[in-house]
Amino acid sequence: MPSVRRVSHEFLERQGLTTVFGNPGSNELPFLADLPDGFRYVLGLHEGAVLGMADGYAQATGRPALVNLHAASGSGNAMGALTNAVASRTPLVIVAGQQVRPAIGPEANLASVDAPSLMKPLVGWAGEPACAEDVPRALAQAVFEARLQRRPTYLSVPYDDWEAEAGDNSLAVLDREVGRGAAPGAEQGRRLAERVAAARRPALVLGGDIDADGLFDDAVRLAERLGGPVWAAPSQFRLPFPNRHPLFRGVLPAGIAPVSEAFEGHDLVLVLGAPVFRYHEYLPGRYLPEGTRLIQVTEDAAAAARAPMGEALVADPGAVVDLLLKTLDAPASPAGDFRPVPGPPTAEGAETHPEEVFAALRDELPDDTAYVVESTSTSAAWWRQMDLRRPGSYYFPAAGGLGFGLPGAVGVAMGSPGRPVVGVIGDGSANYGITALWTAAQHRVPLTIVLLRNGTYGALRWFGGLLGVPDAPGLDIPGLDFTRIAEGYGVPARQAGDAGELRALLAEPADGPRLIQVDTALTTPS
């Protein structure tokens, strides 16, 4: 009779979940025993970095990633990073160790009391098997729920279960597959196509799911067929459209009133692959202008249900894009020339202006470079200088929680062999996931980190002005030298004194990870 561990390992292998991101404790060791030869264990030195790396890896590969955490303490350490994975709809399968069954009730040390409740409401599904024989089935449910919901799931397993016999029926799980079909029905598709075709001034809003689902180029074709303006949805974590395309109007502001203002004069707003909407700053007003109709198409049923306005169709955005391309009669509008990039300003004093940094990245690095960005105070400067025309070119912390950038960049690089990957990281955010540098060094991940150091939490300074709190304490972080920190973790690092030196360093070949620190002037997110 095979053990629970053996059946579970074989199931994971058949499902392609053979890369394990983790930081093990005693409860997890029995699961990790006898890992098959094809498995790879990626050790992170903090659970937040572990989950961030898995998030980046799953987004880059388009497949679920397996995360192994230590009981309640390790799971708790990962929860901040989990918020970003939830908001980006990343399918992660989190398996956590639990005390042996007889020790859970008495709350022995390392027992996770009511473990499934610990990660709720963040995860889409959480469970702890009622008996050892149910572990393989519950593990399969965690995998399938993650795929179906496009959301992290959580399974707590008592560590004495792994050695138990799996039972006569356990092998049935090995051949299971679960899929879904989400094309709109014939009548739904006809009505949607008619409404889009009848619109006099349609506008298109695209979400991160467009890029995550491989619809980047199809979205361009649809936009050119419609001929109207295109926005990225607020609080964007992936770029769904070339940012210098003549139809692109940028990322919508994350406030009710400015979003409504952007839609003035449009009779139809078609939202594909995004919630409606992920606001941030509280700027109240009408949700939509008078006479504007909004139609949302998303696979995320919860996002459709909670939207405060408009109509929603729960369907695969890809199927809808394909339908519209086939049914709309109008020929595609000529794209015209992509908008030129303005010359970057220079900063006063010794610091480099962030736009000079981004101009150097744009000019010196290959066009297919993927950027993982967590420098929140330089967002406006970023979009003024970058020219991103490829799918999978941009990743950002989806929930706004710091700590995704460095680990996410490591995960994206591991999941994108052969593609250049750059992490653009602010000094305020770098500290939240700094231990990911060690993992990058150990695995010789081909990755460039450009560290923007301005000595303060720049985005918070901007928010202080918005909220009328200009004198808030705790916003300055002087005295950090990330070149020395990186070298301590085994990553070669250099200081770029100015934009010219940065360009020269970027042009140098790199074998494995590297970090380039640049002292930058303080800018605002918008």
Protein backbone atom coordinates (compact mmCIF):
# COMPACT_ATOMS: atom_id res chain seq x y z
CA MET A 1 0.00 0.00 0.00
CA PRO A 2 1.61 3.36 -0.99
CA SER A 3 2.03 6.09 1.60
CA VAL A 4 0.10 9.35 1.55
CA ARG A 5 3.38 11.13 0.78
CA ARG A 6 4.16 8.93 -2.22
CA VAL A 7 0.70 9.35 -3.77
CA SER A 8 0.79 13.09 -3.11
CA HIS A 9 4.23 13.51 -4.67
CA GLU A 10 3.13 11.58 -7.75
CA PHE A 11 -0.01 13.67 -8.07
CA LEU A 12 2.00 16.91 -7.85
CA GLU A 13 4.45 15.57 -10.44
CA ARG A 14 1.63 14.74 -12.87
CA GLN A 15 0.18 18.21 -12.37
CA GLY A 16 3.53 19.88 -13.09
CA LEU A 17 3.96 21.31 -9.60
CA THR A 18 7.54 20.21 -9.16
CA THR A 19 9.12 23.52 -8.12
CA VAL A 20 8.57 24.07 -4.41
CA PHE A 21 9.10 27.51 -2.88
CA GLY A 22 9.52 27.20 0.85
CA ASN A 23 11.10 27.82 4.20
CA PRO A 24 10.69 24.60 6.17
CA GLY A 25 10.12 23.95 9.83
CA SER A 26 9.89 20.70 11.75
CA ASN A 27 6.25 20.12 10.77
CA GLU A 28 7.15 20.25 7.07
CA LEU A 29 10.06 17.83 7.01
CA PRO A 30 7.98 14.64 6.58
CA PHE A 31 6.34 16.11 3.44
CA LEU A 32 9.77 16.97 2.03
CA ALA A 33 11.22 13.52 2.64
CA ASP A 34 11.98 11.43 -0.46
CA LEU A 35 11.16 14.18 -2.97
CA PRO A 36 11.39 12.65 -6.46
CA ASP A 37 14.43 13.54 -8.55
CA GLY A 38 12.47 15.88 -10.81
CA PHE A 39 11.49 18.20 -7.96
CA ARG A 40 13.32 21.47 -7.25
CA TYR A 41 13.23 23.10 -3.82
CA VAL A 42 13.73 26.88 -3.84
CA LEU A 43 14.65 28.01 -0.34
CA GLY A 44 13.73 31.52 0.78
CA LEU A 45 15.00 33.02 4.03
CA HIS A 46 11.66 34.60 4.99
CA GLU A 47 8.16 33.43 4.19
CA GLY A 48 7.16 36.79 2.71
CA ALA A 49 9.98 36.46 0.18
CA VAL A 50 9.03 32.81 -0.42
CA LEU A 51 5.48 33.71 -1.36
CA GLY A 52 6.58 36.72 -3.43
CA MET A 53 8.97 34.55 -5.45
CA ALA A 54 6.25 31.97 -6.04
CA ASP A 55 3.86 34.75 -7.08
CA GLY A 56 6.32 36.07 -9.68
CA TYR A 57 7.14 32.57 -10.90
CA ALA A 58 3.47 31.60 -11.33
CA GLN A 59 2.68 34.84 -13.14
CA ALA A 60 5.65 34.42 -15.49
CA THR A 61 4.95 30.77 -16.30
CA GLY A 62 1.15 31.03 -16.35
CA ARG A 63 0.93 27.91 -14.14
CA PRO A 64 0.19 27.32 -10.46
CA ALA A 65 3.17 27.28 -8.12
CA LEU A 66 3.61 25.21 -4.96
CA VAL A 67 4.45 26.95 -1.68
CA ASN A 68 5.49 25.16 1.51
CA LEU A 69 5.10 27.13 4.78
CA HIS A 70 5.66 26.37 8.44
CA ALA A 71 2.47 26.03 10.48
CA ALA A 72 0.85 29.22 11.80
CA SER A 73 4.01 31.25 12.26
CA GLY A 74 5.32 30.78 8.72
CA SER A 75 1.85 31.22 7.26
CA GLY A 76 1.44 34.45 9.20
CA ASN A 77 4.76 35.75 7.94
CA ALA A 78 3.57 35.20 4.36
CA MET A 79 0.18 36.89 4.66
CA GLY A 80 1.35 40.36 3.65
CA ALA A 81 2.74 38.96 0.42
CA LEU A 82 -0.38 36.86 -0.02
CA THR A 83 -2.48 40.01 -0.46
CA ASN A 84 -0.61 40.81 -3.68
CA ALA A 85 -1.07 37.27 -5.01
CA VAL A 86 -4.80 37.44 -4.33
CA ALA A 87 -5.20 40.79 -6.09
CA SER A 88 -3.23 39.57 -9.13
CA ARG A 89 -5.32 36.36 -9.22
CA THR A 90 -2.21 34.21 -8.99
CA PRO A 91 -2.92 30.48 -8.60
CA LEU A 92 -0.73 29.38 -5.69
CA VAL A 93 -1.09 26.10 -3.81
CA ILE A 94 0.09 26.62 -0.23
CA VAL A 95 0.76 23.49 1.82
CA ALA A 96 1.53 24.10 5.49
CA GLY A 97 2.68 21.67 8.13
CA GLN A 98 0.52 20.95 11.15
CA GLN A 99 1.30 19.21 14.45
CA VAL A 100 0.54 15.50 14.73
CA ARG A 101 -3.16 14.85 15.15
CA PRO A 102 -3.14 13.93 18.87
CA ALA A 103 -1.31 17.21 19.65
CA ILE A 104 -3.65 19.65 17.89
CA GLY A 105 -6.49 19.63 20.43
CA PRO A 106 -4.22 20.21 23.47
CA GLU A 107 -2.58 23.04 21.49
CA ALA A 108 0.93 21.65 21.71
CA ASN A 109 3.72 23.89 20.48
CA LEU A 110 3.52 24.42 16.68
CA ALA A 111 -0.12 23.31 16.56
CA SER A 112 -2.08 25.62 14.27
CA VAL A 113 -5.46 26.02 15.94
CA ASP A 114 -8.28 26.13 13.36
CA ALA A 115 -5.70 26.25 10.59
CA PRO A 116 -8.14 26.68 7.65
CA SER A 117 -9.46 29.89 9.21
CA LEU A 118 -5.99 31.40 9.54
CA MET A 119 -5.65 32.47 5.91
CA LYS A 120 -9.28 33.39 5.32
CA PRO A 121 -10.65 35.50 3.75
CA LEU A 122 -7.56 35.89 1.57
CA VAL A 123 -7.40 32.43 0.04
CA GLY A 124 -10.07 31.09 -2.26
CA TRP A 125 -10.21 27.74 -0.46
CA ALA A 126 -8.67 26.38 2.74
CA GLY A 127 -8.87 22.99 4.38
CA GLU A 128 -7.36 20.43 6.70
CA PRO A 129 -8.12 16.76 5.92
CA ALA A 130 -10.32 14.99 8.43
CA CYS A 131 -8.12 11.90 8.24
CA ALA A 132 -4.84 10.84 6.67
CA GLU A 133 -6.49 8.91 3.85
CA ASP A 134 -8.15 12.13 2.67
CA VAL A 135 -4.86 14.02 2.16
CA PRO A 136 -4.35 13.15 -1.55
CA ARG A 137 -7.93 14.12 -2.39
CA ALA A 138 -7.69 17.36 -0.40
CA LEU A 139 -4.38 18.20 -2.08
CA ALA A 140 -6.02 17.67 -5.46
CA GLN A 141 -8.86 19.96 -4.42
CA ALA A 142 -6.34 22.65 -3.44
CA VAL A 143 -4.71 22.42 -6.88
CA PHE A 144 -7.97 22.42 -8.83
CA GLU A 145 -9.50 25.21 -6.75
CA ALA A 146 -6.41 27.36 -7.37
CA ARG A 147 -6.74 26.80 -11.12
CA LEU A 148 -10.49 27.26 -11.31
CA GLN A 149 -10.61 30.35 -9.10
CA ARG A 150 -7.23 31.78 -10.18
CA ARG A 151 -6.57 32.41 -6.51
CA PRO A 152 -4.24 31.02 -3.81
CA THR A 153 -5.46 28.02 -1.82
CA TYR A 154 -4.28 26.68 1.54
CA LEU A 155 -3.98 23.13 2.87
CA SER A 156 -2.84 22.32 6.40
CA VAL A 157 -1.62 18.73 6.83
CA PRO A 158 -0.72 17.07 10.15
CA TYR A 159 2.79 15.81 9.67
CA ASP A 160 2.06 12.28 10.85
CA ASP A 161 -0.34 11.90 7.90
CA TRP A 162 2.44 11.71 5.32
CA GLU A 163 3.71 8.34 6.56
CA ALA A 164 0.24 6.81 6.77
CA GLU A 165 -1.08 4.34 4.22
CA ALA A 166 -3.07 6.11 1.55
CA GLY A 167 -5.91 3.60 1.26
CA ASP A 168 -7.35 1.56 -1.59
CA ASN A 169 -9.03 4.47 -3.37
CA SER A 170 -6.16 6.96 -3.19
CA LEU A 171 -4.72 6.18 -6.63
CA ALA A 172 -7.92 7.40 -8.29
CA VAL A 173 -6.76 10.97 -7.71
CA LEU A 174 -3.71 10.56 -9.94
CA ASP A 175 -5.60 10.66 -13.22
CA ARG A 176 -8.00 13.46 -12.31
CA GLU A 177 -8.31 16.60 -14.42
CA VAL A 178 -10.67 19.50 -13.86
CA GLY A 179 -11.37 22.18 -16.47
CA ARG A 180 -13.93 24.83 -17.26
CA GLY A 181 -15.48 26.33 -20.34
CA ALA A 182 -16.47 29.96 -20.09
CA ALA A 183 -17.43 31.12 -23.57
CA PRO A 184 -20.56 33.32 -23.62
CA GLY A 185 -23.74 31.70 -24.83
CA ALA A 186 -25.01 32.46 -28.32
CA GLU A 187 -27.64 34.96 -27.15
CA GLN A 188 -25.23 36.61 -24.69
CA GLY A 189 -22.60 36.94 -27.40
CA ARG A 190 -25.07 38.36 -29.92
CA ARG A 191 -26.37 40.99 -27.51
CA LEU A 192 -22.85 42.01 -26.46
CA ALA A 193 -21.64 42.33 -30.06
CA GLU A 194 -24.71 44.39 -30.97
CA ARG A 195 -24.18 46.79 -28.10
CA VAL A 196 -20.50 47.27 -28.90
CA ALA A 197 -21.21 47.73 -32.61
CA ALA A 198 -23.94 50.29 -31.89
CA ALA A 199 -21.77 52.43 -29.64
CA ARG A 200 -20.98 55.86 -31.11
CA ARG A 201 -17.99 56.57 -28.86
CA PRO A 202 -16.81 53.33 -27.23
CA ALA A 203 -13.93 53.23 -24.76
CA LEU A 204 -11.95 50.18 -23.73
CA VAL A 205 -10.60 49.47 -20.24
CA LEU A 206 -8.22 46.53 -19.92
CA GLY A 207 -7.15 44.72 -16.77
CA GLY A 208 -4.12 42.70 -15.80
CA ASP A 209 -5.90 39.48 -16.74
CA ILE A 210 -5.49 40.46 -20.40
CA ASP A 211 -1.72 40.13 -20.13
CA ALA A 212 -1.87 37.17 -17.75
CA ASP A 213 -4.10 35.28 -20.20
CA GLY A 214 -1.89 35.93 -23.23
CA LEU A 215 -4.34 38.38 -24.84
CA PHE A 216 -1.99 41.37 -25.18
CA ASP A 217 -1.77 41.27 -28.99
CA ASP A 218 -5.46 40.40 -29.39
CA ALA A 219 -6.36 43.43 -27.28
CA VAL A 220 -4.40 45.64 -29.67
CA ARG A 221 -6.32 44.22 -32.63
CA LEU A 222 -9.65 44.79 -30.89
CA ALA A 223 -8.76 48.35 -29.91
CA GLU A 224 -7.76 49.19 -33.45
CA ARG A 225 -11.00 47.67 -34.71
CA LEU A 226 -13.02 49.83 -32.29
CA GLY A 227 -10.88 52.90 -32.85
CA GLY A 228 -11.63 54.37 -29.41
CA PRO A 229 -9.35 55.24 -26.51
CA VAL A 230 -7.86 52.53 -24.31
CA TRP A 231 -7.08 52.76 -20.61
CA ALA A 232 -5.50 50.32 -18.22
CA ALA A 233 -7.72 49.68 -15.21
CA PRO A 234 -6.84 51.49 -11.96
CA SER A 235 -4.26 49.95 -9.60
CA GLN A 236 -2.74 48.07 -12.51
CA PHE A 237 -0.37 45.15 -11.80
CA ARG A 238 0.29 44.05 -15.40
CA LEU A 239 0.46 46.09 -18.60
CA PRO A 240 -2.32 44.90 -20.97
CA PHE A 241 -1.55 47.23 -23.90
CA PRO A 242 1.51 48.96 -25.44
CA ASN A 243 1.92 52.09 -23.37
CA ARG A 244 2.96 54.36 -26.26
CA HIS A 245 0.32 53.13 -28.69
CA PRO A 246 -1.60 56.10 -30.16
CA LEU A 247 -4.89 54.82 -28.68
CA PHE A 248 -3.52 54.33 -25.15
CA ARG A 249 -4.49 56.94 -22.59
CA GLY A 250 -2.59 55.50 -19.63
CA VAL A 251 -3.61 53.96 -16.33
CA LEU A 252 -6.94 55.23 -15.01
CA PRO A 253 -6.63 57.23 -11.78
CA ALA A 254 -7.70 55.21 -8.75
CA GLY A 255 -10.53 57.48 -7.60
CA ILE A 256 -14.26 57.51 -8.31
CA ALA A 257 -14.53 61.10 -9.54
CA PRO A 258 -11.49 61.10 -11.86
CA VAL A 259 -12.50 57.77 -13.41
CA SER A 260 -15.93 59.18 -14.15
CA GLU A 261 -14.35 62.31 -15.63
CA ALA A 262 -12.20 60.18 -17.94
CA PHE A 263 -15.34 58.57 -19.39
CA GLU A 264 -17.12 61.85 -20.19
CA GLY A 265 -18.52 61.80 -23.71
CA HIS A 266 -18.36 58.00 -24.11
CA ASP A 267 -21.63 56.14 -24.48
CA LEU A 268 -20.08 52.70 -23.83
CA VAL A 269 -17.20 51.59 -21.65
CA LEU A 270 -16.17 47.96 -22.22
CA VAL A 271 -14.08 46.57 -19.34
CA LEU A 272 -12.17 43.38 -20.09
CA GLY A 273 -10.34 41.30 -17.48
CA ALA A 274 -10.55 43.77 -14.58
CA PRO A 275 -12.62 44.53 -11.48
CA VAL A 276 -14.88 47.58 -11.65
CA PHE A 277 -12.89 49.30 -10.19
CA ARG A 278 -10.04 48.97 -7.67
CA TYR A 279 -10.12 52.51 -6.32
CA HIS A 280 -7.49 53.80 -3.90
CA GLU A 281 -7.69 57.51 -3.06
CA TYR A 282 -11.16 58.37 -1.79
CA LEU A 283 -12.32 60.95 -4.32
CA PRO A 284 -16.12 60.62 -4.30
CA GLY A 285 -18.41 61.42 -7.16
CA ARG A 286 -20.72 59.76 -9.70
CA TYR A 287 -19.57 56.30 -10.74
CA LEU A 288 -20.31 57.05 -14.39
CA PRO A 289 -21.23 60.15 -16.39
CA GLU A 290 -24.83 60.64 -17.45
CA GLY A 291 -25.55 58.55 -20.55
CA THR A 292 -22.56 56.23 -20.19
CA ARG A 293 -23.15 52.47 -20.12
CA LEU A 294 -20.51 50.11 -18.69
CA ILE A 295 -20.18 46.42 -19.55
CA GLN A 296 -17.68 44.29 -17.63
CA VAL A 297 -16.38 40.95 -18.89
CA THR A 298 -14.42 38.90 -16.35
CA GLU A 299 -13.88 35.29 -15.32
CA ASP A 300 -13.87 36.43 -11.69
CA ALA A 301 -17.45 35.88 -10.54
CA ALA A 302 -16.81 37.62 -7.22
CA ALA A 303 -15.52 40.74 -8.99
CA ALA A 304 -18.60 40.75 -11.19
CA ALA A 305 -20.95 40.35 -8.22
CA ARG A 306 -19.44 43.11 -6.06
CA ALA A 307 -19.19 45.81 -8.76
CA PRO A 308 -21.30 48.85 -7.75
CA MET A 309 -22.48 49.74 -11.26
CA GLY A 310 -22.76 48.55 -14.84
CA GLU A 311 -23.58 45.19 -16.40
CA ALA A 312 -21.34 42.17 -16.00
CA LEU A 313 -20.78 39.01 -18.01
CA VAL A 314 -18.87 36.23 -16.28
CA ALA A 315 -16.98 34.73 -19.19
CA ASP A 316 -13.51 34.23 -20.57
CA PRO A 317 -12.33 37.65 -21.85
CA GLY A 318 -10.37 35.83 -24.56
CA ALA A 319 -13.53 34.25 -25.93
CA VAL A 320 -15.25 37.63 -25.94
CA VAL A 321 -12.34 39.34 -27.68
CA ASP A 322 -12.36 36.59 -30.32
CA LEU A 323 -16.13 36.95 -30.75
CA LEU A 324 -15.92 40.72 -31.20
CA LEU A 325 -13.07 40.47 -33.69
CA LYS A 326 -15.15 38.06 -35.76
CA THR A 327 -18.45 39.93 -35.60
CA LEU A 328 -17.52 43.61 -35.82
CA ASP A 329 -17.65 44.72 -39.42
CA ALA A 330 -15.58 47.86 -39.19
CA PRO A 331 -12.03 47.53 -40.52
CA ALA A 332 -9.18 48.03 -38.14
CA SER A 333 -8.09 51.62 -37.72
CA PRO A 334 -4.49 52.25 -38.73
CA ALA A 335 -2.39 52.33 -35.62
CA GLY A 336 -0.35 55.32 -36.69
CA ASP A 337 2.94 56.19 -35.11
CA PHE A 338 3.61 55.30 -31.52
CA ARG A 339 3.92 58.38 -29.33
CA PRO A 340 7.50 59.66 -29.00
CA VAL A 341 9.27 59.57 -25.65
CA PRO A 342 10.09 62.99 -24.17
CA GLY A 343 13.63 63.80 -23.15
CA PRO A 344 14.20 63.11 -19.44
CA PRO A 345 14.69 66.08 -17.10
CA THR A 346 17.81 66.35 -14.99
CA ALA A 347 17.81 66.79 -11.25
CA GLU A 348 19.44 69.57 -9.33
CA GLY A 349 22.40 68.56 -7.22
CA ALA A 350 24.17 65.21 -7.18
CA GLU A 351 21.11 62.98 -7.52
CA THR A 352 19.92 61.45 -10.77
CA HIS A 353 16.36 62.14 -11.88
CA PRO A 354 14.31 58.90 -11.99
CA GLU A 355 13.35 59.66 -15.58
CA GLU A 356 17.05 59.56 -16.48
CA VAL A 357 17.23 56.10 -14.91
CA PHE A 358 14.24 54.86 -16.87
CA ALA A 359 15.51 56.39 -20.11
CA ALA A 360 18.72 54.45 -19.59
CA LEU A 361 16.79 51.21 -19.09
CA ARG A 362 14.73 51.88 -22.22
CA ASP A 363 17.77 52.67 -24.37
CA GLU A 364 20.31 50.16 -23.10
CA LEU A 365 18.28 47.00 -22.51
CA PRO A 366 16.60 44.67 -25.05
CA ASP A 367 13.05 45.42 -26.16
CA ASP A 368 11.73 42.18 -24.64
CA THR A 369 12.99 42.97 -21.13
CA ALA A 370 10.48 42.16 -18.37
CA TYR A 371 10.35 44.73 -15.57
CA VAL A 372 9.22 44.05 -12.03
CA VAL A 373 8.58 47.49 -10.56
CA GLU A 374 8.23 48.43 -6.91
CA SER A 375 9.24 52.08 -6.77
CA THR A 376 5.90 53.63 -6.00
CA SER A 377 6.98 57.27 -5.80
CA THR A 378 8.30 57.21 -9.38
CA SER A 379 5.22 55.87 -11.18
CA ALA A 380 4.60 59.01 -13.23
CA ALA A 381 8.27 59.20 -14.21
CA TRP A 382 8.19 55.53 -15.22
CA TRP A 383 5.28 55.87 -17.64
CA ARG A 384 6.70 59.06 -19.16
CA GLN A 385 9.91 57.30 -20.20
CA MET A 386 9.15 53.65 -20.89
CA ASP A 387 8.15 52.16 -24.23
CA LEU A 388 6.76 48.67 -23.57
CA ARG A 389 5.35 46.81 -26.56
CA ARG A 390 5.65 43.13 -25.58
CA PRO A 391 3.44 40.88 -23.46
CA GLY A 392 4.72 40.15 -19.97
CA SER A 393 6.78 43.34 -19.82
CA TYR A 394 5.49 44.75 -16.53
CA TYR A 395 4.74 43.42 -13.04
CA PHE A 396 3.70 45.50 -10.03
CA PRO A 397 2.48 44.66 -6.49
CA ALA A 398 -1.18 44.08 -7.15
CA ALA A 399 -2.51 44.98 -3.70
CA GLY A 400 0.01 47.77 -3.09
CA GLY A 401 1.67 45.88 -0.25
CA LEU A 402 5.43 46.38 -0.28
CA GLY A 403 7.69 43.35 -0.46
CA PHE A 404 6.68 41.89 -3.82
CA GLY A 405 9.33 43.63 -5.93
CA LEU A 406 12.61 41.90 -5.08
CA PRO A 407 11.16 38.39 -4.53
CA GLY A 408 8.80 38.82 -7.47
CA ALA A 409 11.72 39.73 -9.72
CA VAL A 410 13.55 36.58 -8.66
CA GLY A 411 10.46 34.47 -9.37
CA VAL A 412 9.79 36.11 -12.74
CA ALA A 413 13.41 35.55 -13.77
CA MET A 414 13.26 31.89 -12.70
CA GLY A 415 10.04 31.47 -14.67
CA SER A 416 11.31 33.29 -17.79
CA PRO A 417 14.50 31.52 -18.89
CA GLY A 418 16.14 33.32 -21.78
CA ARG A 419 14.30 36.61 -21.25
CA PRO A 420 16.03 39.61 -19.64
CA VAL A 421 14.43 40.53 -16.30
CA VAL A 422 15.02 43.73 -14.34
CA GLY A 423 13.74 44.64 -10.90
CA VAL A 424 13.20 48.38 -10.46
CA ILE A 425 13.08 48.71 -6.69
CA GLY A 426 12.87 51.67 -4.32
CA ASP A 427 14.94 51.75 -1.16
CA GLY A 428 11.80 51.92 0.96
CA SER A 429 10.37 48.71 -0.48
CA ALA A 430 13.62 46.78 -0.86
CA ASN A 431 13.91 46.02 2.83
CA TYR A 432 10.63 44.11 2.87
CA GLY A 433 11.95 41.35 0.62
CA ILE A 434 15.71 41.80 0.82
CA THR A 435 16.39 38.15 1.66
CA ALA A 436 15.37 37.19 -1.89
CA LEU A 437 18.85 38.33 -2.94
CA TRP A 438 20.29 35.26 -1.23
CA THR A 439 18.02 32.94 -3.22
CA ALA A 440 18.99 34.74 -6.43
CA ALA A 441 22.67 34.24 -5.60
CA GLN A 442 22.28 30.57 -4.68
CA HIS A 443 20.45 29.76 -7.91
CA ARG A 444 22.52 32.15 -10.04
CA VAL A 445 19.32 33.74 -11.32
CA PRO A 446 20.02 35.99 -14.35
CA LEU A 447 18.57 39.19 -12.93
CA THR A 448 19.45 42.89 -12.74
CA ILE A 449 18.20 44.90 -9.77
CA VAL A 450 18.23 48.67 -10.23
CA LEU A 451 17.91 50.10 -6.72
CA LEU A 452 16.60 53.69 -6.57
CA ARG A 453 17.79 55.26 -3.32
CA ASN A 454 16.23 58.54 -2.23
CA GLY A 455 16.41 58.02 1.53
CA THR A 456 12.69 58.30 2.24
CA TYR A 457 9.30 56.70 1.76
CA GLY A 458 8.50 58.98 -1.15
CA ALA A 459 4.96 57.77 -1.83
CA LEU A 460 4.04 58.29 1.82
CA ARG A 461 5.35 61.85 1.67
CA TRP A 462 3.04 62.44 -1.27
CA PHE A 463 0.10 60.90 0.61
CA GLY A 464 0.93 63.07 3.60
CA GLY A 465 0.25 66.08 1.45
CA LEU A 466 -3.01 64.61 0.13
CA LEU A 467 -4.25 63.75 3.61
CA GLY A 468 -3.09 66.94 5.30
CA VAL A 469 -0.40 65.22 7.38
CA PRO A 470 2.83 66.89 6.24
CA ASP A 471 4.71 66.27 9.49
CA ALA A 472 4.17 62.50 9.97
CA PRO A 473 7.15 60.80 11.66
CA GLY A 474 8.97 57.72 10.39
CA LEU A 475 9.24 58.63 6.71
CA ASP A 476 13.03 58.94 6.35
CA ILE A 477 15.39 55.97 6.01
CA PRO A 478 18.94 57.36 5.73
CA GLY A 479 22.14 55.38 5.98
CA LEU A 480 21.25 52.32 3.87
CA ASP A 481 23.89 51.04 1.45
CA PHE A 482 22.37 48.28 -0.63
CA THR A 483 25.63 47.55 -2.44
CA ARG A 484 27.10 46.26 0.82
CA ILE A 485 23.88 44.47 1.76
CA ALA A 486 23.71 42.75 -1.64
CA GLU A 487 27.32 41.63 -1.49
CA GLY A 488 26.67 40.19 1.95
CA TYR A 489 24.00 37.99 0.37
CA GLY A 490 26.35 37.01 -2.46
CA VAL A 491 25.08 39.35 -5.20
CA PRO A 492 27.68 41.55 -6.97
CA ALA A 493 26.74 45.23 -6.63
CA ARG A 494 27.86 48.61 -7.95
CA GLN A 495 27.00 52.26 -7.34
CA ALA A 496 26.13 54.34 -10.42
CA GLY A 497 27.17 57.94 -9.84
CA ASP A 498 25.08 59.37 -12.65
CA ALA A 499 22.99 58.40 -15.67
CA GLY A 500 26.05 57.95 -17.87
CA GLU A 501 27.66 55.56 -15.44
CA LEU A 502 24.35 53.68 -15.13
CA ARG A 503 24.23 53.24 -18.90
CA ALA A 504 27.76 51.89 -18.90
CA LEU A 505 26.97 49.41 -16.12
CA LEU A 506 23.81 48.22 -17.85
CA ALA A 507 25.81 47.56 -21.00
CA GLU A 508 28.23 45.25 -19.17
CA PRO A 509 27.46 41.51 -19.51
CA ALA A 510 26.28 39.84 -16.33
CA ASP A 511 26.53 36.22 -15.28
CA GLY A 512 23.88 35.70 -12.66
CA PRO A 513 22.26 38.34 -10.46
CA ARG A 514 23.61 41.87 -9.98
CA LEU A 515 22.50 45.04 -8.21
CA ILE A 516 23.06 48.62 -9.35
CA GLN A 517 22.32 51.36 -6.83
CA VAL A 518 21.46 54.87 -8.02
CA ASP A 519 20.87 57.89 -5.81
CA THR A 520 17.74 59.58 -7.17
CA ALA A 521 15.85 62.82 -6.63
CA LEU A 522 12.50 62.64 -4.85
CA THR A 523 9.48 62.61 -7.18
CA THR A 524 5.76 62.02 -6.71
CA PRO A 525 3.61 59.14 -8.03
CA SER A 526 1.56 61.44 -10.26
